[in-house]
């Protein structure tokens, strides 16, 4: 007789085998995919079959057909965008999350995952040197973390102005003024659009992308006294890796009664390192913070983290009370009070597992190692004739040019075609660049050497 466990055994066995094969291939396979999405749609598609297939055979088909379309993002030579790898404890814990199949929304109903996430949240606050009583929500990624924090900000600044956005909506509300640096990440603008707050006011930044505190002060002077104001800062510029002058900028914002939000998708982790925490000096004075555990911490997708000092603002923005949900009666609140979802997977469990695996010292070493690898790559590529490093490499980002924009784009295309390493083309300071983001825990000396050599080949043509 087939039992419930038997129904899973062979499918899981084959999935584990395919996963091991995939992970074992990453060191040597070309970084980029070998087929297009259109080709894969034809391969996977066609009319829905009339009859089903054995689950284990489905797993085989899935793994075999997908292989050529997979990007080797877990590789130590993948530097495109800011995408971390996955540490072993995080990957294994994420498998457990899927097997447990817990809806992490309610503390009463799923106490194990709720407790694990609460501990992970407290450990994060300790590591990032943020207020111990701040509220923490686990969301899909940095985009939704920014949305979550800015929703709490919107509620708070309007409430101070005598407007209850939960009851009265935005129609007729006082205008919420949002001031940002001109080099903020685009997810800030998307979050503001989602929240109905419109386009922000952008103020000047220096040659590394750091917001000017003087320009911020000038912009705030022009806002009517007592109007609702949000200021957005960043820990880790998308291109240069630079950090805003938090102490100075937050002091300016506080003088005008602004809520200060910090987008620290990958840079906030500098606070966990004694050697790098000077980059985030003063950041604890803000009102909300965003980070993405999939980036620097290297947990699996998806795991953004929204942190808000004012728990009332966060829970007012997202809390829901209805008869069919069994609310927590201890005063801790439910996980769904802190995020824009009622149903979700237990994203904080892999965070707990990685933090438990690394410990405080291990996290610091991880962040420091990523930064050290970035500097090694910068030093290596700077030795290639015709290549120029544009930014001060203070963290994990490197921006390079090879002559003019056309030449840089040509070299970028050759590098991708070579397949040894992946460095993404971008535009910064009105010119085409190659951006190198060092985010993977596994990047080692050999990866650095091979990646620099690949760029050298691409330059030589």
Protein backbone atom coordinates (compact mmCIF):
# COMPACT_ATOMS: atom_id res chain seq x y z
CA UNK A 1 0.00 0.00 0.00
CA UNK A 2 1.32 3.46 -0.93
CA UNK A 3 1.61 5.72 2.11
CA UNK A 4 1.66 9.50 2.26
CA UNK A 5 5.45 9.40 2.69
CA UNK A 6 5.90 7.01 -0.23
CA UNK A 7 4.18 9.50 -2.53
CA UNK A 8 7.02 11.96 -1.96
CA UNK A 9 10.04 9.69 -1.70
CA UNK A 10 11.09 9.14 -5.30
CA UNK A 11 10.31 12.70 -6.43
CA UNK A 12 12.35 14.13 -3.56
CA UNK A 13 15.18 11.68 -4.16
CA UNK A 14 15.45 12.72 -7.79
CA UNK A 15 15.10 16.41 -6.94
CA UNK A 16 17.99 16.12 -4.48
CA UNK A 17 20.09 14.33 -7.11
CA UNK A 18 19.37 16.99 -9.73
CA UNK A 19 20.13 19.74 -7.20
CA UNK A 20 23.49 18.19 -6.43
CA UNK A 21 24.26 17.84 -10.13
CA UNK A 22 23.36 21.49 -10.69
CA UNK A 23 25.47 22.71 -7.78
CA UNK A 24 28.37 20.55 -8.94
CA UNK A 25 28.18 22.02 -12.44
CA UNK A 26 28.32 25.66 -11.38
CA UNK A 27 32.12 25.83 -11.04
CA UNK A 28 32.75 24.90 -14.68
CA UNK A 29 29.66 25.69 -16.72
CA UNK A 30 29.39 28.96 -18.71
CA UNK A 31 27.84 31.65 -16.54
CA UNK A 32 25.18 32.72 -19.03
CA UNK A 33 22.22 30.67 -20.30
CA UNK A 34 22.63 28.87 -23.62
CA UNK A 35 19.06 29.16 -24.91
CA UNK A 36 16.42 31.90 -24.95
CA UNK A 37 13.13 32.07 -23.08
CA UNK A 38 11.24 31.77 -26.39
CA UNK A 39 13.02 28.49 -27.16
CA UNK A 40 12.24 27.17 -23.69
CA UNK A 41 8.56 28.10 -23.95
CA UNK A 42 8.36 25.86 -27.03
CA UNK A 43 10.17 23.06 -25.23
CA UNK A 44 8.10 23.23 -22.03
CA UNK A 45 4.87 24.21 -23.72
CA UNK A 46 2.27 22.98 -26.16
CA UNK A 47 -1.28 22.05 -25.20
CA UNK A 48 -1.83 20.92 -21.64
CA UNK A 49 -1.48 17.10 -21.69
CA UNK A 50 -4.69 15.13 -21.22
CA UNK A 51 -2.99 12.65 -18.91
CA UNK A 52 -0.64 13.25 -16.04
CA UNK A 53 2.87 11.99 -15.38
CA UNK A 54 4.58 10.35 -12.44
CA UNK A 55 5.90 13.10 -10.08
CA UNK A 56 9.45 11.73 -10.19
CA UNK A 57 9.42 11.79 -13.98
CA UNK A 58 8.12 15.36 -13.87
CA UNK A 59 11.15 16.31 -11.78
CA UNK A 60 13.47 14.67 -14.31
CA UNK A 61 11.81 16.47 -17.20
CA UNK A 62 11.89 19.79 -15.37
CA UNK A 63 15.59 19.55 -14.54
CA UNK A 64 16.65 18.30 -17.96
CA UNK A 65 14.72 20.82 -20.00
CA UNK A 66 15.59 23.80 -17.78
CA UNK A 67 19.33 23.19 -17.65
CA UNK A 68 20.37 25.09 -20.78
CA UNK A 69 18.30 28.10 -19.73
CA UNK A 70 19.78 28.48 -16.26
CA UNK A 71 22.12 31.35 -15.39
CA UNK A 72 24.96 30.25 -13.11
CA UNK A 73 24.09 32.87 -10.52
CA UNK A 74 25.49 30.75 -7.67
CA UNK A 75 28.93 30.91 -9.30
CA UNK A 76 31.75 32.78 -7.61
CA UNK A 77 32.30 34.53 -10.96
CA UNK A 78 28.79 35.94 -11.28
CA UNK A 79 29.03 39.68 -10.64
CA UNK A 80 25.93 40.85 -12.50
CA UNK A 81 23.50 42.97 -10.51
CA UNK A 82 23.64 42.56 -6.73
CA UNK A 83 22.73 38.92 -6.33
CA UNK A 84 24.20 36.77 -3.61
CA UNK A 85 24.63 33.01 -3.67
CA UNK A 86 23.10 30.62 -1.17
CA UNK A 87 24.96 29.38 1.88
CA UNK A 88 24.51 25.66 2.67
CA UNK A 89 22.52 26.19 5.87
CA UNK A 90 20.18 28.57 4.09
CA UNK A 91 19.53 26.23 1.19
CA UNK A 92 18.85 23.24 3.45
CA UNK A 93 16.60 25.31 5.72
CA UNK A 94 14.67 26.55 2.69
CA UNK A 95 14.01 22.94 1.69
CA UNK A 96 12.66 22.37 5.20
CA UNK A 97 10.40 25.42 4.86
CA UNK A 98 8.86 23.92 1.72
CA UNK A 99 8.49 20.50 3.35
CA UNK A 100 6.89 21.92 6.49
CA UNK A 101 4.46 23.94 4.34
CA UNK A 102 3.58 26.37 7.11
CA UNK A 103 1.65 29.57 6.48
CA UNK A 104 3.82 31.97 8.45
CA UNK A 105 1.13 34.60 8.90
CA UNK A 106 -0.27 33.66 12.31
CA UNK A 107 1.77 33.28 15.50
CA UNK A 108 -0.86 31.08 17.22
CA UNK A 109 -1.32 28.70 14.31
CA UNK A 110 2.32 28.23 13.33
CA UNK A 111 4.32 28.88 16.51
CA UNK A 112 7.52 27.14 15.39
CA UNK A 113 8.18 29.29 12.33
CA UNK A 114 6.89 32.41 14.07
CA UNK A 115 9.34 31.89 16.93
CA UNK A 116 12.23 31.18 14.56
CA UNK A 117 11.50 34.37 12.63
CA UNK A 118 11.25 36.42 15.82
CA UNK A 119 14.68 35.21 16.93
CA UNK A 120 16.10 35.86 13.45
CA UNK A 121 14.68 39.38 13.62
CA UNK A 122 16.32 40.07 16.98
CA UNK A 123 19.64 38.72 15.74
CA UNK A 124 19.40 40.97 12.69
CA UNK A 125 18.78 44.03 14.85
CA UNK A 126 21.82 43.14 16.98
CA UNK A 127 24.05 42.62 13.95
CA UNK A 128 22.92 45.76 12.16
CA UNK A 129 23.13 47.82 15.36
CA UNK A 130 19.53 48.99 15.11
CA UNK A 131 17.00 49.65 17.90
CA UNK A 132 16.19 46.40 19.72
CA UNK A 133 12.48 47.23 19.92
CA UNK A 134 12.05 47.91 16.19
CA UNK A 135 9.48 45.85 14.28
CA UNK A 136 10.76 43.49 11.57
CA UNK A 137 8.84 42.04 8.64
CA UNK A 138 10.04 39.44 6.13
CA UNK A 139 8.89 40.22 2.58
CA UNK A 140 9.78 39.10 -0.94
CA UNK A 141 12.76 41.37 -1.58
CA UNK A 142 14.17 44.87 -1.29
CA UNK A 143 11.43 46.38 -3.47
CA UNK A 144 8.65 45.22 -1.15
CA UNK A 145 10.77 46.04 1.90
CA UNK A 146 10.98 49.64 0.70
CA UNK A 147 7.24 49.59 0.03
CA UNK A 148 6.55 48.25 3.52
CA UNK A 149 8.71 50.81 5.30
CA UNK A 150 7.40 53.70 3.23
CA UNK A 151 3.80 52.60 3.86
CA UNK A 152 4.51 52.88 7.59
CA UNK A 153 6.13 56.26 6.95
CA UNK A 154 3.12 57.48 4.96
CA UNK A 155 0.76 56.47 7.78
CA UNK A 156 2.90 58.18 10.42
CA UNK A 157 3.60 61.51 8.73
CA UNK A 158 -0.05 61.91 7.72
CA UNK A 159 -1.23 61.00 11.21
CA UNK A 160 1.00 63.73 12.63
CA UNK A 161 -0.74 66.13 10.26
CA UNK A 162 -4.14 65.05 11.55
CA UNK A 163 -5.03 62.78 8.63
CA UNK A 164 -5.95 59.09 9.00
CA UNK A 165 -5.02 57.54 5.65
CA UNK A 166 -6.54 54.20 6.70
CA UNK A 167 -9.98 55.78 7.09
CA UNK A 168 -9.93 58.68 4.62
CA UNK A 169 -7.53 57.48 1.93
CA UNK A 170 -5.32 59.88 0.01
CA UNK A 171 -7.99 61.96 -1.75
CA UNK A 172 -7.88 65.36 -0.09
CA UNK A 173 -4.96 64.43 2.16
CA UNK A 174 -2.10 66.83 2.83
CA UNK A 175 0.65 66.38 0.23
CA UNK A 176 3.39 64.07 1.45
CA UNK A 177 6.74 65.54 0.36
CA UNK A 178 9.41 62.94 -0.35
CA UNK A 179 13.04 64.02 -0.77
CA UNK A 180 15.67 61.67 -2.16
CA UNK A 181 19.20 61.76 -3.50
CA UNK A 182 19.51 61.90 -7.27
CA UNK A 183 21.27 58.50 -7.25
CA UNK A 184 18.71 56.57 -5.19
CA UNK A 185 17.72 53.12 -6.39
CA UNK A 186 14.70 52.92 -8.68
CA UNK A 187 12.80 50.75 -6.22
CA UNK A 188 12.27 53.83 -4.07
CA UNK A 189 10.40 55.47 -6.94
CA UNK A 190 8.41 52.29 -7.58
CA UNK A 191 7.40 52.02 -3.93
CA UNK A 192 6.30 55.65 -3.90
CA UNK A 193 4.27 55.03 -7.06
CA UNK A 194 2.59 52.00 -5.46
CA UNK A 195 1.74 54.14 -2.43
CA UNK A 196 0.20 56.94 -4.48
CA UNK A 197 2.83 59.45 -3.40
CA UNK A 198 4.05 60.35 -6.87
CA UNK A 199 7.51 61.37 -7.96
CA UNK A 200 9.96 62.48 -5.24
CA UNK A 201 12.08 65.62 -5.15
CA UNK A 202 15.66 64.66 -6.03
CA UNK A 203 18.61 66.60 -4.62
CA UNK A 204 22.22 66.58 -5.76
CA UNK A 205 24.80 63.96 -4.90
CA UNK A 206 28.59 64.00 -5.05
CA UNK A 207 30.75 62.18 -7.59
CA UNK A 208 30.32 58.88 -5.71
CA UNK A 209 26.54 59.19 -5.49
CA UNK A 210 26.32 60.30 -1.84
CA UNK A 211 23.49 62.71 -1.09
CA UNK A 212 24.51 66.27 -0.27
CA UNK A 213 23.34 67.20 3.22
CA UNK A 214 23.46 70.88 2.23
CA UNK A 215 21.28 70.26 -0.82
CA UNK A 216 18.91 68.26 1.38
CA UNK A 217 18.64 71.18 3.79
CA UNK A 218 17.89 73.58 0.94
CA UNK A 219 15.15 71.30 -0.40
CA UNK A 220 13.56 70.92 3.04
CA UNK A 221 13.54 74.70 3.54
CA UNK A 222 11.21 75.03 0.56
CA UNK A 223 8.59 72.68 2.03
CA UNK A 224 5.78 74.40 3.98
CA UNK A 225 6.28 74.26 7.73
CA UNK A 226 4.48 71.33 9.34
CA UNK A 227 3.86 69.49 6.05
CA UNK A 228 4.34 65.69 6.03
CA UNK A 229 7.91 64.87 4.90
CA UNK A 230 9.82 61.67 4.18
CA UNK A 231 13.55 61.63 3.43
CA UNK A 232 15.11 58.59 1.76
CA UNK A 233 18.81 57.82 2.18
CA UNK A 234 20.86 54.83 1.04
CA UNK A 235 23.46 52.47 2.40
CA UNK A 236 25.34 51.25 -0.65
CA UNK A 237 25.01 53.09 -3.94
CA UNK A 238 23.98 50.77 -6.75
CA UNK A 239 27.04 51.66 -8.82
CA UNK A 240 29.74 52.96 -6.50
CA UNK A 241 28.77 51.21 -3.26
CA UNK A 242 29.05 54.58 -1.49
CA UNK A 243 27.12 55.38 1.69
CA UNK A 244 25.20 58.57 2.39
CA UNK A 245 26.46 60.76 5.27
CA UNK A 246 23.86 59.44 7.69
CA UNK A 247 24.61 61.40 10.85
CA UNK A 248 24.64 64.73 9.02
CA UNK A 249 21.68 64.02 6.74
CA UNK A 250 19.51 62.57 9.52
CA UNK A 251 20.25 65.59 11.71
CA UNK A 252 19.08 67.86 8.88
CA UNK A 253 15.94 65.78 8.32
CA UNK A 254 15.11 65.75 12.04
CA UNK A 255 15.19 69.53 12.15
CA UNK A 256 12.31 69.53 9.68
CA UNK A 257 10.34 66.75 11.35
CA UNK A 258 10.90 64.28 8.51
CA UNK A 259 10.61 60.51 8.69
CA UNK A 260 13.96 59.10 7.53
CA UNK A 261 14.06 55.86 5.58
CA UNK A 262 17.30 54.08 4.64
CA UNK A 263 17.46 51.80 1.62
CA UNK A 264 20.22 49.40 2.65
CA UNK A 265 19.46 46.51 0.32
CA UNK A 266 23.04 45.26 0.34
CA UNK A 267 25.02 47.95 2.15
CA UNK A 268 23.32 47.88 5.54
CA UNK A 269 25.35 44.74 6.27
CA UNK A 270 28.47 46.88 6.66
CA UNK A 271 27.18 47.61 10.17
CA UNK A 272 27.85 43.95 11.07
CA UNK A 273 31.61 44.35 10.53
CA UNK A 274 33.85 46.14 13.04
CA UNK A 275 36.11 47.05 10.10
CA UNK A 276 33.32 48.49 7.95
CA UNK A 277 30.72 49.82 10.38
CA UNK A 278 32.14 53.34 10.02
CA UNK A 279 30.38 53.37 6.63
CA UNK A 280 27.01 53.24 8.41
CA UNK A 281 27.84 55.61 11.27
CA UNK A 282 24.67 57.37 12.39
CA UNK A 283 22.30 55.10 10.44
CA UNK A 284 20.61 53.97 13.66
CA UNK A 285 19.08 57.45 13.93
CA UNK A 286 16.69 56.78 11.05
CA UNK A 287 13.06 55.66 11.39
CA UNK A 288 13.06 52.70 9.00
CA UNK A 289 15.53 50.52 7.18
CA UNK A 290 15.43 48.07 4.27
CA UNK A 291 17.76 45.22 3.46
CA UNK A 292 17.69 42.03 1.41
CA UNK A 293 19.01 38.87 3.00
CA UNK A 294 19.46 37.24 -0.41
CA UNK A 295 22.12 39.76 -1.28
CA UNK A 296 24.97 40.13 1.20
CA UNK A 297 23.77 37.48 3.68
CA UNK A 298 23.41 34.86 0.93
CA UNK A 299 20.13 33.21 1.87
CA UNK A 300 17.82 31.81 -0.87
CA UNK A 301 15.28 33.92 -2.70
CA UNK A 302 12.98 35.51 -1.62
CA UNK A 303 13.85 37.37 1.57
CA UNK A 304 13.62 41.12 1.90
CA UNK A 305 13.65 42.61 5.39
CA UNK A 306 11.62 45.67 6.42
CA UNK A 307 12.58 47.26 9.74
CA UNK A 308 10.53 50.03 11.34
CA UNK A 309 11.29 51.80 14.62
CA UNK A 310 7.64 52.73 15.29
CA UNK A 311 5.74 49.45 15.64
CA UNK A 312 2.42 51.33 15.85
CA UNK A 313 3.01 52.85 12.42
CA UNK A 314 3.97 49.52 10.87
CA UNK A 315 1.07 47.59 12.38
CA UNK A 316 -1.40 50.35 11.60
CA UNK A 317 -0.34 50.24 7.96
CA UNK A 318 -0.66 46.45 7.63
CA UNK A 319 -2.51 44.96 10.59
CA UNK A 320 -5.81 43.17 10.05
CA UNK A 321 -8.27 41.80 12.60
CA UNK A 322 -11.09 39.56 11.50
CA UNK A 323 -13.14 36.81 13.14
CA UNK A 324 -11.73 33.83 11.23
CA UNK A 325 -8.10 34.62 12.08
CA UNK A 326 -6.91 33.55 15.53
CA UNK A 327 -4.94 36.56 16.70
CA UNK A 328 -1.99 36.32 19.03
CA UNK A 329 -3.07 37.30 22.56
CA UNK A 330 0.40 37.81 24.07
CA UNK A 331 1.00 41.31 22.77
CA UNK A 332 3.71 40.25 20.36
CA UNK A 333 1.43 40.71 17.37
CA UNK A 334 1.17 38.42 14.36
CA UNK A 335 3.63 38.26 11.46
CA UNK A 336 0.91 39.47 9.07
CA UNK A 337 0.70 42.70 11.09
CA UNK A 338 4.10 43.69 9.72
CA UNK A 339 3.91 42.80 6.03
CA UNK A 340 1.51 43.26 3.09
CA UNK A 341 0.55 39.56 3.05
CA UNK A 342 -1.69 37.27 5.04
CA UNK A 343 -0.33 34.05 3.52
CA UNK A 344 3.39 33.55 2.94
CA UNK A 345 6.21 31.06 3.33
CA UNK A 346 8.44 31.28 6.40
CA UNK A 347 11.13 33.42 4.80
CA UNK A 348 12.85 34.16 8.08
CA UNK A 349 13.73 30.51 8.74
CA UNK A 350 16.68 30.42 6.28
CA UNK A 351 17.83 33.72 7.81
CA UNK A 352 17.89 32.09 11.25
CA UNK A 353 19.75 29.08 9.82
CA UNK A 354 22.44 31.19 8.14
CA UNK A 355 22.93 33.36 11.22
CA UNK A 356 23.11 30.28 13.42
CA UNK A 357 25.60 28.74 11.01
CA UNK A 358 27.86 31.82 10.80
CA UNK A 359 27.51 33.48 14.18
CA UNK A 360 28.38 37.13 14.73
CA UNK A 361 32.02 36.67 13.72
CA UNK A 362 31.13 34.67 10.63
CA UNK A 363 28.76 37.35 9.35
CA UNK A 364 31.45 40.00 9.86
CA UNK A 365 33.97 37.85 8.02
CA UNK A 366 31.52 37.25 5.17
CA UNK A 367 30.97 40.98 4.64
CA UNK A 368 34.67 41.75 4.95
CA UNK A 369 35.59 38.98 2.52
CA UNK A 370 33.18 40.28 -0.12
CA UNK A 371 34.67 43.74 0.23
CA UNK A 372 38.21 42.38 0.06
CA UNK A 373 37.41 40.43 -3.12
CA UNK A 374 35.99 43.58 -4.68
CA UNK A 375 39.22 45.44 -3.97
CA UNK A 376 41.27 42.57 -5.41
CA UNK A 377 39.23 42.61 -8.60
CA UNK A 378 39.52 46.40 -8.81
CA UNK A 379 43.28 46.19 -8.43
CA UNK A 380 43.48 43.48 -11.05
CA UNK A 381 41.35 45.14 -13.72
CA UNK A 382 43.10 48.49 -13.15
CA UNK A 383 46.28 46.81 -14.43
CA UNK A 384 44.67 46.05 -17.79
CA UNK A 385 45.68 48.60 -20.41
CA UNK A 386 42.78 50.87 -21.32
CA UNK A 387 40.62 49.94 -18.31
CA UNK A 388 39.76 52.59 -15.71
CA UNK A 389 38.07 52.09 -12.35
CA UNK A 390 35.68 55.01 -11.83
CA UNK A 391 34.66 54.68 -8.20
CA UNK A 392 36.28 54.57 -4.80
CA UNK A 393 35.96 50.88 -3.93
CA UNK A 394 34.75 51.18 -0.33
CA UNK A 395 32.44 48.20 -0.35
CA UNK A 396 31.43 45.54 -2.90
CA UNK A 397 30.82 47.56 -6.07
CA UNK A 398 33.25 48.32 -8.91
CA UNK A 399 32.53 50.43 -11.99
CA UNK A 400 34.93 50.32 -14.93
CA UNK A 401 35.13 51.82 -18.39
CA UNK A 402 37.18 50.77 -21.37
CA UNK A 403 37.67 53.93 -23.41
CA UNK A 404 34.40 55.47 -24.57
CA UNK A 405 30.86 54.13 -24.16
CA UNK A 406 30.85 52.27 -27.48
CA UNK A 407 34.09 50.50 -26.66
CA UNK A 408 32.87 49.60 -23.15
CA UNK A 409 29.65 48.11 -24.54
CA UNK A 410 31.66 46.09 -27.05
CA UNK A 411 33.90 44.69 -24.31
CA UNK A 412 30.85 43.87 -22.15
CA UNK A 413 29.33 41.85 -24.99
CA UNK A 414 32.59 39.93 -25.52
CA UNK A 415 32.86 39.18 -21.82
CA UNK A 416 29.34 37.74 -21.66
CA UNK A 417 29.97 35.66 -24.79
CA UNK A 418 33.18 34.28 -23.25
CA UNK A 419 31.11 32.79 -20.40
CA UNK A 420 33.85 32.71 -17.76
CA UNK A 421 32.47 35.62 -15.74
CA UNK A 422 29.41 37.83 -15.84
CA UNK A 423 29.72 41.56 -15.29
CA UNK A 424 26.65 43.61 -16.13
CA UNK A 425 26.59 46.56 -18.46
CA UNK A 426 25.06 49.70 -17.00
CA UNK A 427 25.18 53.48 -17.23
CA UNK A 428 26.63 55.76 -14.58
CA UNK A 429 27.52 59.40 -14.71
CA UNK A 430 26.28 59.63 -18.31
CA UNK A 431 28.51 56.90 -19.70
CA UNK A 432 28.30 53.20 -20.38
CA UNK A 433 30.14 51.12 -17.81
CA UNK A 434 30.80 47.58 -16.67
CA UNK A 435 29.49 47.14 -13.14
CA UNK A 436 30.96 44.41 -10.97
CA UNK A 437 28.99 43.45 -7.86
CA UNK A 438 30.76 41.05 -5.50
CA UNK A 439 27.99 39.39 -3.53
CA UNK A 440 28.66 35.64 -3.46
CA UNK A 441 30.14 33.93 -0.41
CA UNK A 442 31.96 31.43 -2.64
CA UNK A 443 34.05 33.90 -4.67
CA UNK A 444 37.67 32.91 -4.04
CA UNK A 445 41.17 33.75 -5.27
CA UNK A 446 40.79 31.55 -8.33
CA UNK A 447 37.49 33.20 -9.24
CA UNK A 448 39.13 36.60 -8.97
CA UNK A 449 42.04 35.52 -11.18
CA UNK A 450 39.82 33.92 -13.83
CA UNK A 451 37.45 36.88 -13.90
CA UNK A 452 40.24 39.43 -14.34
CA UNK A 453 41.75 37.26 -17.08
CA UNK A 454 38.36 37.06 -18.81
CA UNK A 455 38.07 40.83 -18.85
CA UNK A 456 41.63 41.08 -20.17
CA UNK A 457 40.71 38.76 -23.06
CA UNK A 458 37.59 40.75 -23.79
CA UNK A 459 39.58 43.99 -23.90
CA UNK A 460 42.27 42.53 -26.17
CA UNK A 461 39.54 41.38 -28.54
